[in-house]
Amino acid sequence: MNKLFILGARMRNKADKVVELEESIKELNKRSELEAKKLEQAGTDEEVSAVEKNLEDIQKESDEKEAEKEQLENEIEDLKNQVEELNRKA
């Protein structure tokens, strides 16, 4: 029985982290949109290069957060399977 509580707590913690990551990804998408608007207004190659670097950095961070989110979702699924297995045995 205690194992069920432990698994449930782990699932909740991971689910909370997934929500945080989703919010971070949304913020990064907003930042990306703002940078894209700056690109339209860039008047020099230096400005274009600076915006391009910012966009690349934002994309890299977003990709990392997406990968972390996917990993957590897989871990949550594994925990759910463990809970189901324990419930079957109980």
N, C-alpha and C. Protein backbone atom coordinates (compact mmCIF):
# COMPACT_ATOMS: atom_id res chain seq x y z
N MET A 1 0.82 -1.20 0.00
CA MET A 1 0.00 0.00 0.00
C MET A 1 0.87 1.26 0.00
N ASN A 2 1.93 1.25 0.82
CA ASN A 2 2.81 2.41 0.85
C ASN A 2 3.45 2.67 -0.50
N LYS A 3 3.73 1.60 -1.21
CA LYS A 3 4.34 1.74 -2.54
C LYS A 3 3.41 2.51 -3.48
N LEU A 4 2.10 2.29 -3.36
CA LEU A 4 1.14 3.03 -4.18
C LEU A 4 1.21 4.52 -3.89
N PHE A 5 1.32 4.87 -2.61
CA PHE A 5 1.41 6.29 -2.24
C PHE A 5 2.70 6.92 -2.78
N ILE A 6 3.77 6.16 -2.70
CA ILE A 6 5.06 6.65 -3.20
C ILE A 6 4.99 6.87 -4.71
N LEU A 7 4.45 5.89 -5.42
CA LEU A 7 4.33 6.02 -6.87
C LEU A 7 3.41 7.18 -7.24
N GLY A 8 2.33 7.34 -6.49
CA GLY A 8 1.40 8.44 -6.75
C GLY A 8 2.08 9.79 -6.55
N ALA A 9 2.87 9.90 -5.49
CA ALA A 9 3.59 11.15 -5.23
C ALA A 9 4.59 11.45 -6.34
N ARG A 10 5.27 10.42 -6.80
CA ARG A 10 6.24 10.61 -7.89
C ARG A 10 5.53 11.06 -9.17
N MET A 11 4.38 10.45 -9.45
CA MET A 11 3.62 10.85 -10.64
C MET A 11 3.18 12.31 -10.54
N ARG A 12 2.69 12.71 -9.38
CA ARG A 12 2.25 14.10 -9.20
C ARG A 12 3.41 15.07 -9.40
N ASN A 13 4.55 14.74 -8.81
CA ASN A 13 5.72 15.61 -8.95
C ASN A 13 6.14 15.74 -10.40
N LYS A 14 6.14 14.64 -11.11
CA LYS A 14 6.53 14.67 -12.52
C LYS A 14 5.48 15.42 -13.35
N ALA A 15 4.21 15.23 -13.02
CA ALA A 15 3.14 15.94 -13.74
C ALA A 15 3.25 17.44 -13.50
N ASP A 16 3.59 17.84 -12.27
CA ASP A 16 3.78 19.26 -11.98
C ASP A 16 4.92 19.83 -12.80
N LYS A 17 5.99 19.07 -12.92
CA LYS A 17 7.14 19.51 -13.71
C LYS A 17 6.77 19.62 -15.19
N VAL A 18 5.94 18.71 -15.68
CA VAL A 18 5.48 18.78 -17.08
C VAL A 18 4.72 20.08 -17.30
N VAL A 19 3.86 20.44 -16.36
CA VAL A 19 3.09 21.68 -16.48
C VAL A 19 4.04 22.88 -16.51
N GLU A 20 5.05 22.87 -15.63
CA GLU A 20 6.04 23.95 -15.62
C GLU A 20 6.76 24.04 -16.96
N LEU A 21 7.13 22.90 -17.50
CA LEU A 21 7.83 22.89 -18.79
C LEU A 21 6.93 23.41 -19.91
N GLU A 22 5.66 23.04 -19.88
CA GLU A 22 4.72 23.53 -20.90
C GLU A 22 4.62 25.04 -20.84
N GLU A 23 4.57 25.60 -19.63
CA GLU A 23 4.52 27.06 -19.47
C GLU A 23 5.80 27.70 -20.00
N SER A 24 6.94 27.10 -19.69
CA SER A 24 8.22 27.62 -20.17
C SER A 24 8.27 27.60 -21.70
N ILE A 25 7.78 26.53 -22.28
CA ILE A 25 7.78 26.42 -23.74
C ILE A 25 6.89 27.49 -24.36
N LYS A 26 5.73 27.75 -23.74
CA LYS A 26 4.85 28.82 -24.23
C LYS A 26 5.56 30.17 -24.18
N GLU A 27 6.27 30.42 -23.08
CA GLU A 27 7.00 31.68 -22.95
C GLU A 27 8.10 31.78 -24.01
N LEU A 28 8.77 30.69 -24.26
CA LEU A 28 9.81 30.69 -25.29
C LEU A 28 9.21 30.96 -26.66
N ASN A 29 8.05 30.41 -26.93
CA ASN A 29 7.38 30.67 -28.20
C ASN A 29 7.03 32.15 -28.34
N LYS A 30 6.59 32.76 -27.24
CA LYS A 30 6.29 34.20 -27.27
C LYS A 30 7.55 35.00 -27.54
N ARG A 31 8.64 34.62 -26.86
CA ARG A 31 9.91 35.31 -27.09
C ARG A 31 10.36 35.16 -28.53
N SER A 32 10.15 33.99 -29.09
CA SER A 32 10.53 33.73 -30.47
C SER A 32 9.74 34.63 -31.42
N GLU A 33 8.45 34.79 -31.14
CA GLU A 33 7.62 35.67 -31.97
C GLU A 33 8.11 37.12 -31.90
N LEU A 34 8.48 37.56 -30.70
CA LEU A 34 9.00 38.92 -30.54
C LEU A 34 10.31 39.10 -31.31
N GLU A 35 11.17 38.10 -31.23
CA GLU A 35 12.43 38.17 -31.97
C GLU A 35 12.18 38.18 -33.47
N ALA A 36 11.21 37.43 -33.93
CA ALA A 36 10.89 37.40 -35.36
C ALA A 36 10.44 38.78 -35.83
N LYS A 37 9.68 39.48 -34.98
CA LYS A 37 9.27 40.84 -35.32
C LYS A 37 10.47 41.77 -35.40
N LYS A 38 11.43 41.57 -34.51
CA LYS A 38 12.66 42.37 -34.55
C LYS A 38 13.40 42.13 -35.86
N LEU A 39 13.34 40.89 -36.34
CA LEU A 39 14.01 40.54 -37.58
C LEU A 39 13.47 41.36 -38.74
N GLU A 40 12.15 41.57 -38.73
CA GLU A 40 11.53 42.37 -39.79
C GLU A 40 11.99 43.81 -39.75
N GLN A 41 12.37 44.27 -38.55
CA GLN A 41 12.78 45.67 -38.39
C GLN A 41 14.29 45.87 -38.46
N ALA A 42 15.02 44.77 -38.51
CA ALA A 42 16.49 44.87 -38.52
C ALA A 42 16.94 45.60 -39.77
N GLY A 43 17.81 46.59 -39.55
CA GLY A 43 18.27 47.40 -40.66
C GLY A 43 19.68 47.10 -41.12
N THR A 44 20.41 46.35 -40.31
CA THR A 44 21.79 46.04 -40.67
C THR A 44 22.03 44.53 -40.54
N ASP A 45 23.12 44.09 -41.16
CA ASP A 45 23.49 42.68 -41.06
C ASP A 45 23.79 42.30 -39.61
N GLU A 46 24.38 43.24 -38.85
CA GLU A 46 24.69 42.96 -37.45
C GLU A 46 23.41 42.73 -36.65
N GLU A 47 22.39 43.54 -36.91
CA GLU A 47 21.11 43.37 -36.21
C GLU A 47 20.47 42.03 -36.59
N VAL A 48 20.54 41.70 -37.88
CA VAL A 48 19.99 40.42 -38.34
C VAL A 48 20.73 39.27 -37.66
N SER A 49 22.05 39.35 -37.60
CA SER A 49 22.85 38.29 -36.97
C SER A 49 22.52 38.15 -35.48
N ALA A 50 22.34 39.27 -34.80
CA ALA A 50 22.02 39.23 -33.37
C ALA A 50 20.67 38.57 -33.14
N VAL A 51 19.69 38.94 -33.95
CA VAL A 51 18.36 38.34 -33.82
C VAL A 51 18.41 36.86 -34.18
N GLU A 52 19.16 36.53 -35.22
CA GLU A 52 19.29 35.13 -35.62
C GLU A 52 19.87 34.29 -34.48
N LYS A 53 20.90 34.81 -33.81
CA LYS A 53 21.50 34.09 -32.69
C LYS A 53 20.49 33.92 -31.57
N ASN A 54 19.74 34.98 -31.27
CA ASN A 54 18.71 34.88 -30.23
C ASN A 54 17.67 33.82 -30.58
N LEU A 55 17.25 33.81 -31.83
CA LEU A 55 16.26 32.81 -32.26
C LEU A 55 16.82 31.39 -32.15
N GLU A 56 18.08 31.22 -32.51
CA GLU A 56 18.71 29.90 -32.39
C GLU A 56 18.78 29.46 -30.93
N ASP A 57 19.16 30.40 -30.04
CA ASP A 57 19.24 30.08 -28.61
C ASP A 57 17.87 29.71 -28.05
N ILE A 58 16.86 30.47 -28.44
CA ILE A 58 15.50 30.18 -27.98
C ILE A 58 15.06 28.81 -28.47
N GLN A 59 15.34 28.50 -29.73
CA GLN A 59 14.94 27.21 -30.29
C GLN A 59 15.66 26.06 -29.58
N LYS A 60 16.93 26.25 -29.29
CA LYS A 60 17.70 25.22 -28.58
C LYS A 60 17.09 24.97 -27.20
N GLU A 61 16.80 26.03 -26.48
CA GLU A 61 16.21 25.90 -25.15
C GLU A 61 14.84 25.23 -25.23
N SER A 62 14.06 25.62 -26.22
CA SER A 62 12.74 25.02 -26.41
C SER A 62 12.85 23.53 -26.71
N ASP A 63 13.78 23.16 -27.57
CA ASP A 63 14.00 21.75 -27.91
C ASP A 63 14.39 20.94 -26.67
N GLU A 64 15.26 21.52 -25.83
CA GLU A 64 15.68 20.84 -24.61
C GLU A 64 14.50 20.63 -23.67
N LYS A 65 13.67 21.64 -23.53
CA LYS A 65 12.50 21.53 -22.65
C LYS A 65 11.49 20.52 -23.21
N GLU A 66 11.33 20.49 -24.51
CA GLU A 66 10.43 19.51 -25.13
C GLU A 66 10.93 18.08 -24.87
N ALA A 67 12.24 17.89 -24.99
CA ALA A 67 12.82 16.57 -24.75
C ALA A 67 12.65 16.16 -23.29
N GLU A 68 12.86 17.10 -22.38
CA GLU A 68 12.67 16.82 -20.96
C GLU A 68 11.22 16.49 -20.66
N LYS A 69 10.31 17.24 -21.27
CA LYS A 69 8.88 17.00 -21.09
C LYS A 69 8.51 15.60 -21.58
N GLU A 70 9.01 15.23 -22.74
CA GLU A 70 8.71 13.90 -23.30
C GLU A 70 9.24 12.80 -22.38
N GLN A 71 10.45 13.00 -21.85
CA GLN A 71 11.03 12.02 -20.93
C GLN A 71 10.16 11.87 -19.69
N LEU A 72 9.71 12.99 -19.13
CA LEU A 72 8.86 12.94 -17.94
C LEU A 72 7.53 12.25 -18.24
N GLU A 73 6.98 12.52 -19.40
CA GLU A 73 5.72 11.87 -19.77
C GLU A 73 5.90 10.36 -19.88
N ASN A 74 7.04 9.93 -20.39
CA ASN A 74 7.33 8.49 -20.46
C ASN A 74 7.48 7.90 -19.06
N GLU A 75 8.15 8.64 -18.17
CA GLU A 75 8.31 8.18 -16.80
C GLU A 75 6.96 8.09 -16.09
N ILE A 76 6.09 9.06 -16.33
CA ILE A 76 4.75 9.03 -15.74
C ILE A 76 3.99 7.80 -16.23
N GLU A 77 4.11 7.52 -17.50
CA GLU A 77 3.43 6.34 -18.06
C GLU A 77 3.96 5.06 -17.40
N ASP A 78 5.27 4.99 -17.20
CA ASP A 78 5.86 3.83 -16.53
C ASP A 78 5.32 3.70 -15.10
N LEU A 79 5.23 4.82 -14.40
CA LEU A 79 4.70 4.79 -13.04
C LEU A 79 3.24 4.34 -13.02
N LYS A 80 2.46 4.81 -13.99
CA LYS A 80 1.06 4.38 -14.08
C LYS A 80 0.98 2.87 -14.27
N ASN A 81 1.86 2.34 -15.11
CA ASN A 81 1.89 0.90 -15.34
C ASN A 81 2.24 0.14 -14.06
N GLN A 82 3.17 0.69 -13.29
CA GLN A 82 3.54 0.06 -12.02
C GLN A 82 2.36 0.07 -11.05
N VAL A 83 1.63 1.19 -11.00
CA VAL A 83 0.46 1.28 -10.13
C VAL A 83 -0.58 0.25 -10.55
N GLU A 84 -0.83 0.15 -11.84
CA GLU A 84 -1.80 -0.83 -12.33
C GLU A 84 -1.39 -2.25 -11.97
N GLU A 85 -0.10 -2.53 -12.09
CA GLU A 85 0.41 -3.86 -11.75
C GLU A 85 0.21 -4.14 -10.26
N LEU A 86 0.51 -3.16 -9.42
CA LEU A 86 0.32 -3.35 -7.98
C LEU A 86 -1.15 -3.54 -7.65
N ASN A 87 -2.01 -2.80 -8.33
CA ASN A 87 -3.45 -2.94 -8.08
C ASN A 87 -3.95 -4.32 -8.49
N ARG A 88 -3.39 -4.87 -9.55
CA ARG A 88 -3.79 -6.21 -9.99
C ARG A 88 -3.37 -7.27 -8.97
N LYS A 89 -2.20 -7.06 -8.38
CA LYS A 89 -1.69 -8.02 -7.41
C LYS A 89 -2.41 -7.92 -6.07
N ALA A 90 -2.97 -6.75 -5.79
CA ALA A 90 -3.62 -6.53 -4.48
C ALA A 90 -4.93 -7.26 -4.33
